[in-house]
């Protein structure tokens, strides 16, 4: 699950970039996407 955040940090990505990437369903990596969406007050499942 941490790999997504590590790649994002390495390449200077934003929460928006992370929110727009594909995440497998159902997996814990969806929590990362939801957190990224929550930054912009757009979380789907929270």
Protein backbone atom coordinates (compact mmCIF):
# COMPACT_ATOMS: atom_id res chain seq x y z
CA UNK A 1 0.00 0.00 0.00
CA UNK A 2 2.88 2.36 0.72
CA UNK A 3 4.31 1.99 -2.80
CA UNK A 4 1.76 4.40 -4.26
CA UNK A 5 2.71 7.16 -1.84
CA UNK A 6 6.43 6.51 -2.37
CA UNK A 7 6.17 6.82 -6.15
CA UNK A 8 4.08 9.97 -5.77
CA UNK A 9 6.65 11.57 -3.47
CA UNK A 10 9.57 10.55 -5.70
CA UNK A 11 8.07 12.22 -8.75
CA UNK A 12 6.63 15.25 -6.95
CA UNK A 13 3.02 14.30 -7.58
CA UNK A 14 0.01 15.82 -5.88
CA UNK A 15 -2.99 14.37 -4.08
CA UNK A 16 -4.95 15.08 -7.28
CA UNK A 17 -2.50 12.92 -9.27
CA UNK A 18 -2.93 10.09 -6.80
CA UNK A 19 -6.71 10.39 -6.82
CA UNK A 20 -6.78 10.13 -10.62
CA UNK A 21 -4.79 6.87 -10.83
CA UNK A 22 -6.46 3.47 -11.09
CA UNK A 23 -6.78 1.48 -7.88
CA UNK A 24 -7.78 -2.18 -7.79
CA UNK A 25 -11.10 -3.00 -6.14
CA UNK A 26 -11.55 -4.27 -3.51
CA UNK A 27 -8.15 -3.64 -1.98
CA UNK A 28 -6.58 -1.59 0.74
CA UNK A 29 -5.01 0.65 -1.88
CA UNK A 30 -8.45 2.17 -2.33
CA UNK A 31 -7.95 3.75 1.08
CA UNK A 32 -5.04 5.71 -0.38
CA UNK A 33 -7.26 6.96 -3.19
CA UNK A 34 -9.99 7.95 -0.73
CA UNK A 35 -7.45 9.85 1.37
CA UNK A 36 -6.23 11.70 -1.72
CA UNK A 37 -9.80 12.56 -2.66
CA UNK A 38 -10.50 13.71 0.91
CA UNK A 39 -7.77 16.35 0.58
CA UNK A 40 -9.99 18.05 -1.99
CA UNK A 41 -13.21 17.30 -0.04
CA UNK A 42 -14.24 14.78 -2.73
CA UNK A 43 -14.06 11.46 -0.88
CA UNK A 44 -16.59 8.92 -2.12
CA UNK A 45 -16.87 6.48 0.79
CA UNK A 46 -16.08 8.59 3.84
